């Protein structure tokens, strides 16, 4: 079963704010969590409403972000979107942690000796 993951971007990092993000990475994963397709999209407008619209129209299953307002978080959860909030670090690190099954909300990701470790 394919899964579509969206990570809000600020350069190569997870964007610090959901409502001010204008760039996202979207990847499709196969049933073994291997990346099968990826793209980076730039949004014409910056707003939480536009981001939610993009998430729903792109049929995203999982969102990895940082600093999302509670009402938008609750709305996306209500729409059955798997949410990881307050994730700090590089988007590639976040994706690796997600595909490895170790990502959780409120985590700072660091890369140490080629292993992705989670700082508490």
PDB file of N, CA and C in Angstrom:
ATOM      1  N   UNK A   1       0.840  -1.185   0.000  1.00  0.00           N
ATOM      2  CA  UNK A   1       0.000   0.000   0.000  1.00  0.00           C
ATOM      3  C   UNK A   1       0.883   1.246   0.000  1.00  0.00           C
ATOM      4  N   UNK A   2       0.687   2.104  -0.954  1.00  0.00           N
ATOM      5  CA  UNK A   2       1.456   3.354  -1.054  1.00  0.00           C
ATOM      6  C   UNK A   2       1.080   4.308   0.077  1.00  0.00           C
ATOM      7  N   UNK A   3       2.041   5.081   0.516  1.00  0.00           N
ATOM      8  CA  UNK A   3       1.828   6.142   1.502  1.00  0.00           C
ATOM      9  C   UNK A   3       2.422   7.403   0.937  1.00  0.00           C
ATOM     10  N   UNK A   4       1.721   8.522   1.119  1.00  0.00           N
ATOM     11  CA  UNK A   4       2.226   9.803   0.652  1.00  0.00           C
ATOM     12  C   UNK A   4       2.555  10.651   1.883  1.00  0.00           C
ATOM     13  N   UNK A   5       3.805  11.127   1.929  1.00  0.00           N
ATOM     14  CA  UNK A   5       4.308  11.906   3.061  1.00  0.00           C
ATOM     15  C   UNK A   5       4.602  13.323   2.584  1.00  0.00           C
ATOM     16  N   UNK A   6       4.213  14.306   3.380  1.00  0.00           N
ATOM     17  CA  UNK A   6       4.504  15.708   3.090  1.00  0.00           C
ATOM     18  C   UNK A   6       5.317  16.276   4.242  1.00  0.00           C
ATOM     19  N   UNK A   7       6.445  16.924   3.902  1.00  0.00           N
ATOM     20  CA  UNK A   7       7.280  17.582   4.900  1.00  0.00           C
ATOM     21  C   UNK A   7       7.372  19.054   4.527  1.00  0.00           C
ATOM     22  N   UNK A   8       7.030  19.929   5.451  1.00  0.00           N
ATOM     23  CA  UNK A   8       7.148  21.364   5.210  1.00  0.00           C
ATOM     24  C   UNK A   8       8.619  21.751   5.259  1.00  0.00           C
ATOM     25  N   UNK A   9       9.055  22.541   4.279  1.00  0.00           N
ATOM     26  CA  UNK A   9      10.482  22.839   4.123  1.00  0.00           C
ATOM     27  C   UNK A   9      10.844  24.291   4.394  1.00  0.00           C
ATOM     28  N   UNK A  10      12.040  24.442   4.917  1.00  0.00           N
ATOM     29  CA  UNK A  10      12.754  25.711   4.993  1.00  0.00           C
ATOM     30  C   UNK A  10      14.184  25.367   4.591  1.00  0.00           C
ATOM     31  N   UNK A  11      14.477  25.462   3.294  1.00  0.00           N
ATOM     32  CA  UNK A  11      15.761  24.989   2.787  1.00  0.00           C
ATOM     33  C   UNK A  11      15.786  23.473   2.872  1.00  0.00           C
ATOM     34  N   UNK A  12      16.774  22.935   3.595  1.00  0.00           N
ATOM     35  CA  UNK A  12      16.879  21.483   3.786  1.00  0.00           C
ATOM     36  C   UNK A  12      16.335  21.025   5.136  1.00  0.00           C
ATOM     37  N   UNK A  13      15.715  21.939   5.856  1.00  0.00           N
ATOM     38  CA  UNK A  13      15.200  21.637   7.195  1.00  0.00           C
ATOM     39  C   UNK A  13      13.680  21.601   7.210  1.00  0.00           C
ATOM     40  N   UNK A  14      13.139  20.978   8.259  1.00  0.00           N
ATOM     41  CA  UNK A  14      11.704  21.050   8.496  1.00  0.00           C
ATOM     42  C   UNK A  14      11.394  22.505   8.841  1.00  0.00           C
ATOM     43  N   UNK A  15      10.418  23.080   8.162  1.00  0.00           N
ATOM     44  CA  UNK A  15      10.092  24.502   8.343  1.00  0.00           C
ATOM     45  C   UNK A  15       9.679  24.792   9.784  1.00  0.00           C
ATOM     46  N   UNK A  16      10.098  25.940  10.311  1.00  0.00           N
ATOM     47  CA  UNK A  16       9.785  26.263  11.705  1.00  0.00           C
ATOM     48  C   UNK A  16       8.321  26.626  11.964  1.00  0.00           C
ATOM     49  N   UNK A  17       7.578  27.049  10.899  1.00  0.00           N
ATOM     50  CA  UNK A  17       6.177  27.455  11.103  1.00  0.00           C
ATOM     51  C   UNK A  17       5.298  26.966   9.968  1.00  0.00           C
ATOM     52  N   UNK A  18       4.208  26.306  10.328  1.00  0.00           N
ATOM     53  CA  UNK A  18       3.231  25.787   9.370  1.00  0.00           C
ATOM     54  C   UNK A  18       2.595  26.922   8.574  1.00  0.00           C
ATOM     55  N   UNK A  19       2.236  28.015   9.248  1.00  0.00           N
ATOM     56  CA  UNK A  19       1.498  29.100   8.604  1.00  0.00           C
ATOM     57  C   UNK A  19       2.352  29.995   7.704  1.00  0.00           C
ATOM     58  N   UNK A  20       3.667  29.883   7.778  1.00  0.00           N
ATOM     59  CA  UNK A  20       4.550  30.728   6.972  1.00  0.00           C
ATOM     60  C   UNK A  20       5.353  29.940   5.942  1.00  0.00           C
ATOM     61  N   UNK A  21       5.033  28.676   5.771  1.00  0.00           N
ATOM     62  CA  UNK A  21       5.798  27.821   4.873  1.00  0.00           C
ATOM     63  C   UNK A  21       5.282  27.933   3.441  1.00  0.00           C
ATOM     64  N   UNK A  22       6.212  28.079   2.498  1.00  0.00           N
ATOM     65  CA  UNK A  22       5.818  28.188   1.095  1.00  0.00           C
ATOM     66  C   UNK A  22       6.390  27.056   0.232  1.00  0.00           C
ATOM     67  N   UNK A  23       7.085  26.113   0.855  1.00  0.00           N
ATOM     68  CA  UNK A  23       7.712  25.036   0.098  1.00  0.00           C
ATOM     69  C   UNK A  23       7.523  23.718   0.839  1.00  0.00           C
ATOM     70  N   UNK A  24       7.195  22.661   0.092  1.00  0.00           N
ATOM     71  CA  UNK A  24       6.992  21.349   0.700  1.00  0.00           C
ATOM     72  C   UNK A  24       7.669  20.267  -0.129  1.00  0.00           C
ATOM     73  N   UNK A  25       8.063  19.221   0.552  1.00  0.00           N
ATOM     74  CA  UNK A  25       8.559  18.007  -0.089  1.00  0.00           C
ATOM     75  C   UNK A  25       7.445  16.979   0.026  1.00  0.00           C
ATOM     76  N   UNK A  26       7.121  16.320  -1.078  1.00  0.00           N
ATOM     77  CA  UNK A  26       6.116  15.259  -1.074  1.00  0.00           C
ATOM     78  C   UNK A  26       6.770  14.006  -1.635  1.00  0.00           C
ATOM     79  N   UNK A  27       6.670  12.931  -0.895  1.00  0.00           N
ATOM     80  CA  UNK A  27       7.238  11.662  -1.337  1.00  0.00           C
ATOM     81  C   UNK A  27       6.221  10.547  -1.238  1.00  0.00           C
ATOM     82  N   UNK A  28       6.331   9.608  -2.159  1.00  0.00           N
ATOM     83  CA  UNK A  28       5.492   8.410  -2.123  1.00  0.00           C
ATOM     84  C   UNK A  28       6.356   7.232  -1.695  1.00  0.00           C
ATOM     85  N   UNK A  29       5.840   6.460  -0.753  1.00  0.00           N
ATOM     86  CA  UNK A  29       6.548   5.301  -0.219  1.00  0.00           C
ATOM     87  C   UNK A  29       5.773   4.040  -0.544  1.00  0.00           C
ATOM     88  N   UNK A  30       6.496   2.965  -0.854  1.00  0.00           N
ATOM     89  CA  UNK A  30       5.824   1.694  -1.094  1.00  0.00           C
ATOM     90  C   UNK A  30       5.532   1.002   0.232  1.00  0.00           C
ATOM     91  N   UNK A  31       5.014  -0.215   0.164  1.00  0.00           N
ATOM     92  CA  UNK A  31       4.624  -0.931   1.383  1.00  0.00           C
ATOM     93  C   UNK A  31       5.801  -1.277   2.284  1.00  0.00           C
ATOM     94  N   UNK A  32       7.016  -1.201   1.757  1.00  0.00           N
ATOM     95  CA  UNK A  32       8.224  -1.445   2.552  1.00  0.00           C
ATOM     96  C   UNK A  32       8.897  -0.139   2.973  1.00  0.00           C
ATOM     97  N   UNK A  33       8.184   0.969   2.832  1.00  0.00           N
ATOM     98  CA  UNK A  33       8.655   2.311   3.180  1.00  0.00           C
ATOM     99  C   UNK A  33       9.869   2.739   2.358  1.00  0.00           C
ATOM    100  N   UNK A  34       9.957   2.250   1.134  1.00  0.00           N
ATOM    101  CA  UNK A  34      10.990   2.699   0.199  1.00  0.00           C
ATOM    102  C   UNK A  34      10.422   3.826  -0.636  1.00  0.00           C
ATOM    103  N   UNK A  35      11.229   4.841  -0.868  1.00  0.00           N
ATOM    104  CA  UNK A  35      10.813   5.995  -1.647  1.00  0.00           C
ATOM    105  C   UNK A  35      10.671   5.611  -3.109  1.00  0.00           C
ATOM    106  N   UNK A  36       9.483   5.846  -3.691  1.00  0.00           N
ATOM    107  CA  UNK A  36       9.250   5.515  -5.094  1.00  0.00           C
ATOM    108  C   UNK A  36       9.121   6.758  -5.969  1.00  0.00           C
ATOM    109  N   UNK A  37       8.771   7.894  -5.372  1.00  0.00           N
ATOM    110  CA  UNK A  37       8.623   9.143  -6.125  1.00  0.00           C
ATOM    111  C   UNK A  37       8.729  10.296  -5.143  1.00  0.00           C
ATOM    112  N   UNK A  38       9.261  11.417  -5.627  1.00  0.00           N
ATOM    113  CA  UNK A  38       9.345  12.599  -4.769  1.00  0.00           C
ATOM    114  C   UNK A  38       9.297  13.853  -5.618  1.00  0.00           C
ATOM    115  N   UNK A  39       8.830  14.924  -4.998  1.00  0.00           N
ATOM    116  CA  UNK A  39       8.782  16.225  -5.661  1.00  0.00           C
ATOM    117  C   UNK A  39       8.811  17.323  -4.604  1.00  0.00           C
ATOM    118  N   UNK A  40       9.263  18.488  -5.021  1.00  0.00           N
ATOM    119  CA  UNK A  40       9.216  19.674  -4.171  1.00  0.00           C
ATOM    120  C   UNK A  40       8.272  20.657  -4.839  1.00  0.00           C
ATOM    121  N   UNK A  41       7.313  21.149  -4.065  1.00  0.00           N
ATOM    122  CA  UNK A  41       6.343  22.110  -4.568  1.00  0.00           C
ATOM    123  C   UNK A  41       6.520  23.441  -3.862  1.00  0.00           C
ATOM    124  N   UNK A  42       6.370  24.518  -4.619  1.00  0.00           N
ATOM    125  CA  UNK A  42       6.385  25.870  -4.061  1.00  0.00           C
ATOM    126  C   UNK A  42       4.968  26.414  -4.165  1.00  0.00           C
ATOM    127  N   UNK A  43       4.434  26.858  -3.046  1.00  0.00           N
ATOM    128  CA  UNK A  43       3.072  27.369  -3.017  1.00  0.00           C
ATOM    129  C   UNK A  43       3.030  28.839  -3.414  1.00  0.00           C
ATOM    130  N   UNK A  44       2.007  29.250  -4.152  1.00  0.00           N
ATOM    131  CA  UNK A  44       1.911  30.656  -4.564  1.00  0.00           C
ATOM    132  C   UNK A  44       1.550  31.586  -3.411  1.00  0.00           C
ATOM    133  N   UNK A  45       0.831  31.045  -2.407  1.00  0.00           N
ATOM    134  CA  UNK A  45       0.423  31.835  -1.242  1.00  0.00           C
ATOM    135  C   UNK A  45       0.842  31.114   0.029  1.00  0.00           C
ATOM    136  N   UNK A  46       1.110  31.892   1.045  1.00  0.00           N
ATOM    137  CA  UNK A  46       1.526  31.336   2.331  1.00  0.00           C
ATOM    138  C   UNK A  46       0.391  31.513   3.332  1.00  0.00           C
ATOM    139  N   UNK A  47      -0.208  30.387   3.728  1.00  0.00           N
ATOM    140  CA  UNK A  47      -1.236  30.426   4.773  1.00  0.00           C
ATOM    141  C   UNK A  47      -1.523  29.005   5.235  1.00  0.00           C
ATOM    142  N   UNK A  48      -2.049  28.892   6.425  1.00  0.00           N
ATOM    143  CA  UNK A  48      -2.422  27.579   6.953  1.00  0.00           C
ATOM    144  C   UNK A  48      -3.548  26.961   6.134  1.00  0.00           C
ATOM    145  N   UNK A  49      -4.480  27.791   5.683  1.00  0.00           N
ATOM    146  CA  UNK A  49      -5.595  27.291   4.875  1.00  0.00           C
ATOM    147  C   UNK A  49      -5.095  26.716   3.554  1.00  0.00           C
ATOM    148  N   UNK A  50      -4.177  27.427   2.892  1.00  0.00           N
ATOM    149  CA  UNK A  50      -3.611  26.942   1.628  1.00  0.00           C
ATOM    150  C   UNK A  50      -2.854  25.632   1.839  1.00  0.00           C
ATOM    151  N   UNK A  51      -2.120  25.541   2.944  1.00  0.00           N
ATOM    152  CA  UNK A  51      -1.363  24.327   3.235  1.00  0.00           C
ATOM    153  C   UNK A  51      -2.315  23.150   3.475  1.00  0.00           C
ATOM    154  N   UNK A  52      -3.379  23.373   4.227  1.00  0.00           N
ATOM    155  CA  UNK A  52      -4.359  22.309   4.460  1.00  0.00           C
ATOM    156  C   UNK A  52      -5.004  21.881   3.147  1.00  0.00           C
ATOM    157  N   UNK A  53      -5.326  22.838   2.308  1.00  0.00           N
ATOM    158  CA  UNK A  53      -5.918  22.530   1.004  1.00  0.00           C
ATOM    159  C   UNK A  53      -4.962  21.667   0.178  1.00  0.00           C
ATOM    160  N   UNK A  54      -3.689  22.026   0.155  1.00  0.00           N
ATOM    161  CA  UNK A  54      -2.691  21.247  -0.578  1.00  0.00           C
ATOM    162  C   UNK A  54      -2.599  19.829  -0.031  1.00  0.00           C
ATOM    163  N   UNK A  55      -2.557  19.695   1.274  1.00  0.00           N
ATOM    164  CA  UNK A  55      -2.455  18.379   1.915  1.00  0.00           C
ATOM    165  C   UNK A  55      -3.625  17.490   1.510  1.00  0.00           C
ATOM    166  N   UNK A  56      -4.814  18.054   1.492  1.00  0.00           N
ATOM    167  CA  UNK A  56      -5.995  17.261   1.152  1.00  0.00           C
ATOM    168  C   UNK A  56      -6.089  16.969  -0.338  1.00  0.00           C
ATOM    169  N   UNK A  57      -5.786  17.940  -1.188  1.00  0.00           N
ATOM    170  CA  UNK A  57      -5.895  17.717  -2.636  1.00  0.00           C
ATOM    171  C   UNK A  57      -4.799  16.800  -3.163  1.00  0.00           C
ATOM    172  N   UNK A  58      -3.676  16.722  -2.477  1.00  0.00           N
ATOM    173  CA  UNK A  58      -2.588  15.826  -2.875  1.00  0.00           C
ATOM    174  C   UNK A  58      -2.743  14.428  -2.265  1.00  0.00           C
ATOM    175  N   UNK A  59      -3.819  14.204  -1.510  1.00  0.00           N
ATOM    176  CA  UNK A  59      -4.097  12.907  -0.872  1.00  0.00           C
ATOM    177  C   UNK A  59      -2.936  12.447   0.006  1.00  0.00           C
ATOM    178  N   UNK A  60      -2.432  13.372   0.809  1.00  0.00           N
ATOM    179  CA  UNK A  60      -1.321  13.090   1.718  1.00  0.00           C
ATOM    180  C   UNK A  60      -1.823  12.252   2.890  1.00  0.00           C
ATOM    181  N   UNK A  61      -1.029  11.258   3.277  1.00  0.00           N
ATOM    182  CA  UNK A  61      -1.349  10.407   4.422  1.00  0.00           C
ATOM    183  C   UNK A  61      -0.684  10.869   5.710  1.00  0.00           C
ATOM    184  N   UNK A  62       0.523  11.433   5.585  1.00  0.00           N
ATOM    185  CA  UNK A  62       1.335  11.803   6.749  1.00  0.00           C
ATOM    186  C   UNK A  62       1.946  13.172   6.538  1.00  0.00           C
ATOM    187  N   UNK A  63       1.911  14.015   7.579  1.00  0.00           N
ATOM    188  CA  UNK A  63       2.532  15.342   7.543  1.00  0.00           C
ATOM    189  C   UNK A  63       3.567  15.417   8.651  1.00  0.00           C
ATOM    190  N   UNK A  64       4.760  15.909   8.289  1.00  0.00           N
ATOM    191  CA  UNK A  64       5.828  16.157   9.260  1.00  0.00           C
ATOM    192  C   UNK A  64       6.068  17.655   9.258  1.00  0.00           C
ATOM    193  N   UNK A  65       5.899  18.286  10.426  1.00  0.00           N
ATOM    194  CA  UNK A  65       6.000  19.743  10.495  1.00  0.00           C
ATOM    195  C   UNK A  65       6.499  20.182  11.864  1.00  0.00           C
ATOM    196  N   UNK A  66       6.499  21.493  12.036  1.00  0.00           N
ATOM    197  CA  UNK A  66       6.910  22.095  13.295  1.00  0.00           C
ATOM    198  C   UNK A  66       6.025  23.320  13.513  1.00  0.00           C
ATOM    199  N   UNK A  67       5.558  23.534  14.704  1.00  0.00           N
ATOM    200  CA  UNK A  67       4.795  24.725  15.088  1.00  0.00           C
ATOM    201  C   UNK A  67       3.549  24.951  14.242  1.00  0.00           C
ATOM    202  N   UNK A  68       2.584  24.062  14.390  1.00  0.00           N
ATOM    203  CA  UNK A  68       1.286  24.201  13.734  1.00  0.00           C
ATOM    204  C   UNK A  68       0.258  24.605  14.781  1.00  0.00           C
ATOM    205  N   UNK A  69      -0.635  25.525  14.403  1.00  0.00           N
ATOM    206  CA  UNK A  69      -1.685  25.948  15.327  1.00  0.00           C
ATOM    207  C   UNK A  69      -2.622  24.777  15.601  1.00  0.00           C
ATOM    208  N   UNK A  70      -3.124  24.708  16.822  1.00  0.00           N
ATOM    209  CA  UNK A  70      -3.931  23.584  17.266  1.00  0.00           C
ATOM    210  C   UNK A  70      -5.164  23.358  16.378  1.00  0.00           C
ATOM    211  N   UNK A  71      -5.836  24.414  15.953  1.00  0.00           N
ATOM    212  CA  UNK A  71      -7.048  24.219  15.159  1.00  0.00           C
ATOM    213  C   UNK A  71      -6.757  23.526  13.823  1.00  0.00           C
ATOM    214  N   UNK A  72      -5.622  23.817  13.198  1.00  0.00           N
ATOM    215  CA  UNK A  72      -5.254  23.171  11.941  1.00  0.00           C
ATOM    216  C   UNK A  72      -4.773  21.740  12.198  1.00  0.00           C
ATOM    217  N   UNK A  73      -4.048  21.559  13.282  1.00  0.00           N
ATOM    218  CA  UNK A  73      -3.624  20.218  13.676  1.00  0.00           C
ATOM    219  C   UNK A  73      -4.848  19.317  13.880  1.00  0.00           C
ATOM    220  N   UNK A  74      -5.809  19.806  14.661  1.00  0.00           N
ATOM    221  CA  UNK A  74      -7.010  19.024  14.946  1.00  0.00           C
ATOM    222  C   UNK A  74      -7.820  18.759  13.675  1.00  0.00           C
ATOM    223  N   UNK A  75      -7.901  19.739  12.792  1.00  0.00           N
ATOM    224  CA  UNK A  75      -8.617  19.570  11.530  1.00  0.00           C
ATOM    225  C   UNK A  75      -7.993  18.452  10.692  1.00  0.00           C
ATOM    226  N   UNK A  76      -6.667  18.475  10.562  1.00  0.00           N
ATOM    227  CA  UNK A  76      -5.992  17.454   9.757  1.00  0.00           C
ATOM    228  C   UNK A  76      -6.109  16.068  10.388  1.00  0.00           C
ATOM    229  N   UNK A  77      -6.018  15.991  11.705  1.00  0.00           N
ATOM    230  CA  UNK A  77      -6.222  14.710  12.394  1.00  0.00           C
ATOM    231  C   UNK A  77      -7.647  14.217  12.145  1.00  0.00           C
ATOM    232  N   UNK A  78      -8.615  15.127  12.199  1.00  0.00           N
ATOM    233  CA  UNK A  78     -10.008  14.780  11.927  1.00  0.00           C
ATOM    234  C   UNK A  78     -10.174  14.243  10.501  1.00  0.00           C
ATOM    235  N   UNK A  79      -9.348  14.738   9.580  1.00  0.00           N
ATOM    236  CA  UNK A  79      -9.368  14.274   8.191  1.00  0.00           C
ATOM    237  C   UNK A  79      -8.523  13.002   8.005  1.00  0.00           C
ATOM    238  N   UNK A  80      -8.124  12.386   9.117  1.00  0.00           N
ATOM    239  CA  UNK A  80      -7.354  11.131   9.128  1.00  0.00           C
ATOM    240  C   UNK A  80      -5.948  11.263   8.547  1.00  0.00           C
ATOM    241  N   UNK A  81      -5.332  12.414   8.762  1.00  0.00           N
ATOM    242  CA  UNK A  81      -3.946  12.631   8.375  1.00  0.00           C
ATOM    243  C   UNK A  81      -3.082  12.314   9.590  1.00  0.00           C
ATOM    244  N   UNK A  82      -2.070  11.476   9.411  1.00  0.00           N
ATOM    245  CA  UNK A  82      -1.122  11.173  10.482  1.00  0.00           C
ATOM    246  C   UNK A  82      -0.206  12.390  10.639  1.00  0.00           C
ATOM    247  N   UNK A  83      -0.151  12.956  11.841  1.00  0.00           N
ATOM    248  CA  UNK A  83       0.588  14.194  12.069  1.00  0.00           C
ATOM    249  C   UNK A  83       1.785  13.972  13.003  1.00  0.00           C
ATOM    250  N   UNK A  84       2.929  14.529  12.596  1.00  0.00           N
ATOM    251  CA  UNK A  84       4.113  14.603  13.443  1.00  0.00           C
ATOM    252  C   UNK A  84       4.439  16.082  13.568  1.00  0.00           C
ATOM    253  N   UNK A  85       4.221  16.641  14.748  1.00  0.00           N
ATOM    254  CA  UNK A  85       4.395  18.066  15.002  1.00  0.00           C
ATOM    255  C   UNK A  85       5.615  18.286  15.889  1.00  0.00           C
ATOM    256  N   UNK A  86       6.161  19.485  15.832  1.00  0.00           N
ATOM    257  CA  UNK A  86       7.315  19.886  16.647  1.00  0.00           C
ATOM    258  C   UNK A  86       8.538  19.035  16.342  1.00  0.00           C
ATOM    259  N   UNK A  87       8.743  18.750  15.060  1.00  0.00           N
ATOM    260  CA  UNK A  87       9.917  18.015  14.610  1.00  0.00           C
ATOM    261  C   UNK A  87      10.946  19.034  14.134  1.00  0.00           C
ATOM    262  N   UNK A  88      12.139  18.977  14.688  1.00  0.00           N
ATOM    263  CA  UNK A  88      13.210  19.910  14.346  1.00  0.00           C
ATOM    264  C   UNK A  88      14.374  19.113  13.777  1.00  0.00           C
ATOM    265  N   UNK A  89      14.874  19.568  12.614  1.00  0.00           N
ATOM    266  CA  UNK A  89      16.009  18.908  11.988  1.00  0.00           C
ATOM    267  C   UNK A  89      15.892  18.961  10.486  1.00  0.00           C
ATOM    268  N   UNK A  90      16.785  18.280   9.821  1.00  0.00           N
ATOM    269  CA  UNK A  90      16.763  18.210   8.371  1.00  0.00           C
ATOM    270  C   UNK A  90      15.601  17.358   7.883  1.00  0.00           C
ATOM    271  N   UNK A  91      15.072  17.717   6.721  1.00  0.00           N
ATOM    272  CA  UNK A  91      13.929  16.948   6.218  1.00  0.00           C
ATOM    273  C   UNK A  91      14.337  15.524   5.851  1.00  0.00           C
ATOM    274  N   UNK A  92      15.571  15.327   5.405  1.00  0.00           N
ATOM    275  CA  UNK A  92      16.020  13.970   5.082  1.00  0.00           C
ATOM    276  C   UNK A  92      16.156  13.135   6.349  1.00  0.00           C
ATOM    277  N   UNK A  93      16.578  13.760   7.427  1.00  0.00           N
ATOM    278  CA  UNK A  93      16.656  13.066   8.711  1.00  0.00           C
ATOM    279  C   UNK A  93      15.255  12.694   9.194  1.00  0.00           C
ATOM    280  N   UNK A  94      14.313  13.621   9.023  1.00  0.00           N
ATOM    281  CA  UNK A  94      12.935  13.351   9.440  1.00  0.00           C
ATOM    282  C   UNK A  94      12.359  12.187   8.639  1.00  0.00           C
ATOM    283  N   UNK A  95      12.623  12.178   7.334  1.00  0.00           N
ATOM    284  CA  UNK A  95      12.132  11.084   6.489  1.00  0.00           C
ATOM    285  C   UNK A  95      12.768   9.763   6.899  1.00  0.00           C
ATOM    286  N   UNK A  96      14.076   9.768   7.159  1.00  0.00           N
ATOM    287  CA  UNK A  96      14.762   8.545   7.586  1.00  0.00           C
ATOM    288  C   UNK A  96      14.197   8.035   8.911  1.00  0.00           C
ATOM    289  N   UNK A  97      13.971   8.945   9.849  1.00  0.00           N
ATOM    290  CA  UNK A  97      13.394   8.547  11.137  1.00  0.00           C
ATOM    291  C   UNK A  97      11.985   7.990  10.935  1.00  0.00           C
ATOM    292  N   UNK A  98      11.207   8.598  10.049  1.00  0.00           N
ATOM    293  CA  UNK A  98       9.849   8.121   9.777  1.00  0.00           C
ATOM    294  C   UNK A  98       9.875   6.720   9.156  1.00  0.00           C
ATOM    295  N   UNK A  99      10.687   6.541   8.121  1.00  0.00           N
ATOM    296  CA  UNK A  99      10.718   5.243   7.442  1.00  0.00           C
ATOM    297  C   UNK A  99      11.325   4.157   8.327  1.00  0.00           C
ATOM    298  N   UNK A 100      12.127   4.555   9.309  1.00  0.00           N
ATOM    299  CA  UNK A 100      12.700   3.592  10.263  1.00  0.00           C
ATOM    300  C   UNK A 100      11.753   3.287  11.413  1.00  0.00           C
ATOM    301  N   UNK A 101      10.659   4.036  11.503  1.00  0.00           N
ATOM    302  CA  UNK A 101       9.680   3.807  12.558  1.00  0.00           C
ATOM    303  C   UNK A 101      10.034   4.409  13.895  1.00  0.00           C
ATOM    304  N   UNK A 102      10.961   5.378  13.914  1.00  0.00           N
ATOM    305  CA  UNK A 102      11.368   5.968  15.189  1.00  0.00           C
ATOM    306  C   UNK A 102      10.967   7.438  15.331  1.00  0.00           C
ATOM    307  N   UNK A 103      10.294   7.991  14.346  1.00  0.00           N
ATOM    308  CA  UNK A 103       9.885   9.396  14.436  1.00  0.00           C
ATOM    309  C   UNK A 103       8.702   9.547  15.366  1.00  0.00           C
ATOM    310  N   UNK A 104       8.716  10.606  16.148  1.00  0.00           N
ATOM    311  CA  UNK A 104       7.578  10.966  16.978  1.00  0.00           C
ATOM    312  C   UNK A 104       7.506  12.481  17.041  1.00  0.00           C
ATOM    313  N   UNK A 105       6.381  12.990  17.479  1.00  0.00           N
ATOM    314  CA  UNK A 105       6.239  14.428  17.642  1.00  0.00           C
ATOM    315  C   UNK A 105       7.156  14.923  18.754  1.00  0.00           C
ATOM    316  N   UNK A 106       7.462  16.216  18.703  1.00  0.00           N
ATOM    317  CA  UNK A 106       8.286  16.885  19.720  1.00  0.00           C
ATOM    318  C   UNK A 106       9.683  16.287  19.816  1.00  0.00           C
ATOM    319  N   UNK A 107      10.323  16.124  18.661  1.00  0.00           N
ATOM    320  CA  UNK A 107      11.669  15.549  18.622  1.00  0.00           C
ATOM    321  C   UNK A 107      12.639  16.462  17.900  1.00  0.00           C
ATOM    322  N   UNK A 108      13.867  16.461  18.375  1.00  0.00           N
ATOM    323  CA  UNK A 108      14.966  17.129  17.697  1.00  0.00           C
ATOM    324  C   UNK A 108      15.832  16.034  17.096  1.00  0.00           C
ATOM    325  N   UNK A 109      16.023  16.101  15.788  1.00  0.00           N
ATOM    326  CA  UNK A 109      16.791  15.076  15.084  1.00  0.00           C
ATOM    327  C   UNK A 109      18.212  15.566  14.866  1.00  0.00           C
ATOM    328  N   UNK A 110      19.175  14.706  15.149  1.00  0.00           N
ATOM    329  CA  UNK A 110      20.573  15.018  14.885  1.00  0.00           C
ATOM    330  C   UNK A 110      21.198  13.854  14.150  1.00  0.00           C
ATOM    331  N   UNK A 111      22.242  14.124  13.409  1.00  0.00           N
ATOM    332  CA  UNK A 111      22.943  13.086  12.666  1.00  0.00           C
ATOM    333  C   UNK A 111      24.306  12.896  13.330  1.00  0.00           C
ATOM    334  N   UNK A 112      24.545  11.723  13.886  1.00  0.00           N
ATOM    335  CA  UNK A 112      25.789  11.450  14.593  1.00  0.00           C
ATOM    336  C   UNK A 112      26.305  10.083  14.157  1.00  0.00           C
ATOM    337  N   UNK A 113      27.491  10.043  13.572  1.00  0.00           N
ATOM    338  CA  UNK A 113      28.129   8.802  13.135  1.00  0.00           C
ATOM    339  C   UNK A 113      27.214   7.981  12.227  1.00  0.00           C
ATOM    340  N   UNK A 114      26.590   8.680  11.261  1.00  0.00           N
ATOM    341  CA  UNK A 114      25.724   8.044  10.264  1.00  0.00           C
ATOM    342  C   UNK A 114      24.504   7.346  10.835  1.00  0.00           C
ATOM    343  N   UNK A 115      24.182   7.596  12.087  1.00  0.00           N
ATOM    344  CA  UNK A 115      22.959   7.062  12.680  1.00  0.00           C
ATOM    345  C   UNK A 115      22.057   8.224  13.025  1.00  0.00           C
ATOM    346  N   UNK A 116      20.779   8.067  12.814  1.00  0.00           N
ATOM    347  CA  UNK A 116      19.845   9.110  13.159  1.00  0.00           C
ATOM    348  C   UNK A 116      19.381   8.871  14.587  1.00  0.00           C
ATOM    349  N   UNK A 117      19.770   9.793  15.434  1.00  0.00           N
ATOM    350  CA  UNK A 117      19.457   9.678  16.846  1.00  0.00           C
ATOM    351  C   UNK A 117      18.445  10.745  17.224  1.00  0.00           C
ATOM    352  N   UNK A 118      17.681  10.467  18.215  1.00  0.00           N
ATOM    353  CA  UNK A 118      16.682  11.405  18.686  1.00  0.00           C
ATOM    354  C   UNK A 118      17.136  11.978  20.019  1.00  0.00           C
ATOM    355  N   UNK A 119      17.232  13.301  20.059  1.00  0.00           N
ATOM    356  CA  UNK A 119      17.575  13.974  21.315  1.00  0.00           C
ATOM    357  C   UNK A 119      16.281  14.251  22.076  1.00  0.00           C
ATOM    358  N   UNK A 120      16.306  13.961  23.326  1.00  0.00           N
ATOM    359  CA  UNK A 120      15.121  14.222  24.161  1.00  0.00           C
ATOM    360  C   UNK A 120      15.167  15.635  24.660  1.00  0.00           C
TER     361      UNK A 120
END
